[in-house]
C-alpha cells in the first residue's frame, strides 16, 4: 500500500455500489511521514496518494468525476490548480474552498468521488 492510512477513525475511501468516496487526502507521505513544508510538494503528494488509492481499486484518475479542494490560503489557488491540472487533465467537476486551517499543518486537501 503506497498511500497513508487514516490517522483518525475514518477510512481512506468507501465504496457504495459502483461509487467510491475518497476521504480528504493531505500531504502525508506513506514512506517517510515527514512534513512537506512547501505547497508544491504537498499538492503533488496529495495527488500521488489519490493515484495510489485508484491503483489499489483497479481504476485510474479518469474515473474520478468530482473533486473538492480545500486550501488553507485561497491565494494558493493558481499554484495548486496548475499542479492539479497535470493529474486531472480530464477535468472532473470541482469545488475549491478556502478554510481557516487543515489537519497536520496541511496547506491543501483534496477529496474525490469516483465510479467503477
Protein backbone atom coordinates (compact mmCIF):
# COMPACT_ATOMS: atom_id res chain seq x y z
CA UNK A 1 0.00 0.00 0.00
CA UNK A 2 1.56 3.29 -1.13
CA UNK A 3 -0.89 5.76 0.38
CA UNK A 4 -1.07 6.75 4.04
CA UNK A 5 -3.51 5.03 6.33
CA UNK A 6 -6.05 7.15 8.12
CA UNK A 7 -4.63 8.67 11.29
CA UNK A 8 -8.04 9.12 12.93
CA UNK A 9 -11.21 6.98 12.97
CA UNK A 10 -12.12 7.03 9.27
CA UNK A 11 -11.28 5.10 6.09
CA UNK A 12 -9.22 6.42 3.16
CA UNK A 13 -12.18 5.52 0.94
CA UNK A 14 -15.54 3.76 0.96
CA UNK A 15 -17.27 2.01 -1.92
CA UNK A 16 -21.06 2.10 -2.20
CA UNK A 17 -22.34 0.19 -5.21
CA UNK A 18 -20.26 1.49 -8.09
CA UNK A 19 -19.35 4.80 -6.43
CA UNK A 20 -16.14 5.39 -4.49
CA UNK A 21 -15.91 8.18 -1.94
CA UNK A 22 -12.35 9.26 -1.09
CA UNK A 23 -11.64 10.88 2.25
CA UNK A 24 -9.68 14.09 2.01
CA UNK A 25 -6.03 13.41 1.27
CA UNK A 26 -3.29 15.59 2.71
CA UNK A 27 0.50 15.72 2.34
CA UNK A 28 1.27 12.56 4.34
CA UNK A 29 3.91 10.50 2.56
CA UNK A 30 3.48 6.81 3.50
CA UNK A 31 7.22 6.15 3.17
CA UNK A 32 8.60 8.92 5.37
CA UNK A 33 5.67 10.56 7.23
CA UNK A 34 7.89 13.67 7.32
CA UNK A 35 6.23 17.06 6.98
CA UNK A 36 6.37 18.54 3.48
CA UNK A 37 6.54 22.25 4.16
CA UNK A 38 6.08 23.73 0.69
CA UNK A 39 2.83 24.00 -1.24
CA UNK A 40 4.00 22.40 -4.49
CA UNK A 41 5.33 19.32 -2.68
CA UNK A 42 2.16 18.93 -0.62
CA UNK A 43 -0.04 19.23 -3.71
CA UNK A 44 1.98 16.64 -5.63
CA UNK A 45 1.92 14.25 -2.66
CA UNK A 46 -1.86 14.62 -2.30
CA UNK A 47 -2.31 13.78 -5.98
CA UNK A 48 0.09 10.83 -5.68
CA UNK A 49 -1.87 9.50 -2.69
CA UNK A 50 -5.08 9.72 -4.71
CA UNK A 51 -3.35 7.96 -7.63
CA UNK A 52 -2.26 5.09 -5.36
CA UNK A 53 -5.77 4.63 -3.99
CA UNK A 54 -7.05 4.46 -7.58
CA UNK A 55 -4.36 1.89 -8.40
CA UNK A 56 -5.38 -0.27 -5.43
CA UNK A 57 -9.01 -0.10 -6.53
CA UNK A 58 -8.17 -1.03 -10.13
CA UNK A 59 -9.29 2.31 -11.56
CA UNK A 60 -7.49 5.36 -12.92
CA UNK A 61 -7.66 9.04 -12.17
CA UNK A 62 -10.03 9.39 -15.14
CA UNK A 63 -12.65 7.51 -13.09
CA UNK A 64 -12.77 10.46 -10.71
CA UNK A 65 -15.80 12.57 -11.59
CA UNK A 66 -15.84 15.12 -8.71
CA UNK A 67 -13.20 16.67 -6.51
CA UNK A 68 -13.25 19.16 -3.68
CA UNK A 69 -10.09 21.12 -2.92
CA UNK A 70 -9.63 22.72 0.49
CA UNK A 71 -7.00 25.45 0.74
CA UNK A 72 -5.56 26.97 3.90
CA UNK A 73 -4.88 30.09 1.81
CA UNK A 74 -7.03 30.97 -1.21
CA UNK A 75 -4.03 32.82 -2.68
CA UNK A 76 -2.52 29.36 -3.33
CA UNK A 77 -5.29 28.61 -5.86
CA UNK A 78 -3.23 29.24 -9.01
CA UNK A 79 -0.27 27.13 -7.89
CA UNK A 80 -2.47 24.23 -6.76
CA UNK A 81 -4.57 24.49 -9.92
CA UNK A 82 -1.50 24.17 -12.17
CA UNK A 83 -0.28 21.01 -10.43
CA UNK A 84 -3.82 19.60 -10.14
CA UNK A 85 -4.24 20.05 -13.91
CA UNK A 86 -1.29 17.77 -14.64
CA UNK A 87 -3.03 14.93 -12.76
CA UNK A 88 -6.66 15.67 -13.63
CA UNK A 89 -6.45 16.61 -17.31
CA UNK A 90 -9.89 15.02 -17.87
CA UNK A 91 -11.36 17.94 -15.87
CA UNK A 92 -13.72 16.40 -13.31
CA UNK A 93 -16.33 18.64 -11.69
CA UNK A 94 -14.68 20.55 -8.86
CA UNK A 95 -15.24 22.86 -5.93
CA UNK A 96 -12.48 24.84 -4.23
CA UNK A 97 -12.96 26.12 -0.72
CA UNK A 98 -10.74 28.27 1.49
CA UNK A 99 -10.73 27.12 5.10
CA UNK A 100 -9.28 28.51 8.30
CA UNK A 101 -6.98 25.51 8.87
CA UNK A 102 -6.39 21.91 7.80
CA UNK A 103 -5.16 18.95 9.86
CA UNK A 104 -1.45 18.23 10.29
CA UNK A 105 -0.38 21.67 9.03
CA UNK A 106 -1.65 20.84 5.55
CA UNK A 107 -1.85 23.64 3.03
CA UNK A 108 -4.09 21.67 0.65
CA UNK A 109 -6.51 18.76 0.99
CA UNK A 110 -8.40 17.05 -1.84
CA UNK A 111 -11.35 14.68 -1.60
CA UNK A 112 -12.86 12.83 -4.55
CA UNK A 113 -15.80 10.86 -5.85
CA UNK A 114 -15.14 8.20 -8.48
CA UNK A 115 -17.00 5.42 -10.26
CA UNK A 116 -16.02 1.87 -11.13
